[in-house]
């Protein structure tokens, strides 16, 4: 593993901890979704970039990119569905 890959993976770990700190600091379930989305996009994105730096364009790095694309898409859909469910639940309490 070269220095660039190590730096990218270290940055991914730091960003994951920042997302955890943000999750613990936020107060409402609507705000929690932002921390989870931040981790989903940035941490997995840095891991995919590290795969491309290590392997170049290969089947393994392309699979990583596809997994990231699926995770981002599914994360966006789940975030929207979770936000909508929370919004409806809050409306029922009033």
Protein backbone atom coordinates (compact mmCIF):
# COMPACT_ATOMS: atom_id res chain seq x y z
CA UNK A 1 0.00 0.00 0.00
CA UNK A 2 1.48 3.34 -1.00
CA UNK A 3 1.35 6.66 0.85
CA UNK A 4 -1.54 8.11 -1.15
CA UNK A 5 -3.74 5.10 -0.44
CA UNK A 6 -2.84 5.23 3.24
CA UNK A 7 -3.68 8.94 3.37
CA UNK A 8 -7.04 8.36 1.66
CA UNK A 9 -7.95 5.56 4.06
CA UNK A 10 -6.83 7.63 7.05
CA UNK A 11 -8.99 10.51 5.82
CA UNK A 12 -11.93 8.09 5.50
CA UNK A 13 -11.47 7.06 9.14
CA UNK A 14 -11.28 10.69 10.28
CA UNK A 15 -14.43 11.57 8.33
CA UNK A 16 -16.23 8.54 9.80
CA UNK A 17 -15.41 9.79 13.30
CA UNK A 18 -16.58 13.29 12.35
CA UNK A 19 -19.87 11.76 11.22
CA UNK A 20 -20.18 9.90 14.53
CA UNK A 21 -19.50 13.10 16.46
CA UNK A 22 -22.08 14.92 14.36
CA UNK A 23 -24.61 12.16 14.93
CA UNK A 24 -24.10 12.37 18.69
CA UNK A 25 -24.30 16.17 18.68
CA UNK A 26 -27.48 16.51 16.62
CA UNK A 27 -30.79 16.55 18.43
CA UNK A 28 -33.66 15.44 16.21
CA UNK A 29 -34.14 12.41 13.99
CA UNK A 30 -34.40 14.76 11.00
CA UNK A 31 -30.87 15.95 11.75
CA UNK A 32 -29.51 12.42 12.24
CA UNK A 33 -30.17 11.71 8.58
CA UNK A 34 -27.64 14.36 7.60
CA UNK A 35 -24.82 12.70 9.55
CA UNK A 36 -25.60 9.31 8.07
CA UNK A 37 -25.73 10.72 4.54
CA UNK A 38 -22.42 12.53 5.08
CA UNK A 39 -20.74 9.28 6.10
CA UNK A 40 -22.36 7.37 3.25
CA UNK A 41 -21.08 9.75 0.59
CA UNK A 42 -17.68 10.82 1.86
CA UNK A 43 -16.29 7.74 3.57
CA UNK A 44 -17.27 5.27 0.88
CA UNK A 45 -16.18 7.78 -1.78
CA UNK A 46 -12.67 8.00 -0.31
CA UNK A 47 -12.45 4.21 -0.15
CA UNK A 48 -13.42 4.00 -3.83
CA UNK A 49 -10.80 6.59 -4.74
CA UNK A 50 -8.23 4.58 -2.76
CA UNK A 51 -9.20 1.48 -4.77
CA UNK A 52 -8.63 3.36 -8.03
CA UNK A 53 -5.28 4.70 -6.79
CA UNK A 54 -4.18 1.20 -5.80
CA UNK A 55 -5.47 -0.81 -8.77
CA UNK A 56 -6.07 1.74 -11.50
CA UNK A 57 -9.04 0.96 -13.69
CA UNK A 58 -9.62 -2.70 -12.96
CA UNK A 59 -12.59 -4.94 -12.39
CA UNK A 60 -12.13 -4.67 -8.62
CA UNK A 61 -12.07 -0.86 -8.57
CA UNK A 62 -15.04 -0.68 -10.94
CA UNK A 63 -16.97 -3.02 -8.64
CA UNK A 64 -16.15 -0.71 -5.73
CA UNK A 65 -17.44 2.26 -7.73
CA UNK A 66 -20.63 0.37 -8.56
CA UNK A 67 -21.15 -0.53 -4.90
CA UNK A 68 -20.66 3.13 -3.97
CA UNK A 69 -23.18 4.22 -6.59
CA UNK A 70 -25.73 1.71 -5.29
CA UNK A 71 -25.06 2.77 -1.68
CA UNK A 72 -25.48 6.47 -2.50
CA UNK A 73 -28.68 5.81 -4.45
CA UNK A 74 -30.13 3.53 -1.79
CA UNK A 75 -29.04 5.96 0.93
CA UNK A 76 -30.81 8.84 -0.78
CA UNK A 77 -33.98 6.80 -1.15
CA UNK A 78 -33.86 5.59 2.45
CA UNK A 79 -33.13 9.10 3.75
CA UNK A 80 -36.13 10.46 1.89
CA UNK A 81 -38.39 7.65 3.09
CA UNK A 82 -37.18 8.05 6.67
CA UNK A 83 -37.69 11.81 6.57
CA UNK A 84 -41.17 11.39 5.15
CA UNK A 85 -42.11 8.82 7.81
CA UNK A 86 -40.81 11.09 10.57
CA UNK A 87 -42.71 14.05 9.11
CA UNK A 88 -45.94 12.05 9.02
CA UNK A 89 -45.39 10.75 12.54
CA UNK A 90 -44.80 14.26 13.86
CA UNK A 91 -48.02 15.42 12.12
CA UNK A 92 -50.03 12.70 13.89
CA UNK A 93 -48.80 13.85 17.29
CA UNK A 94 -50.18 17.36 16.84
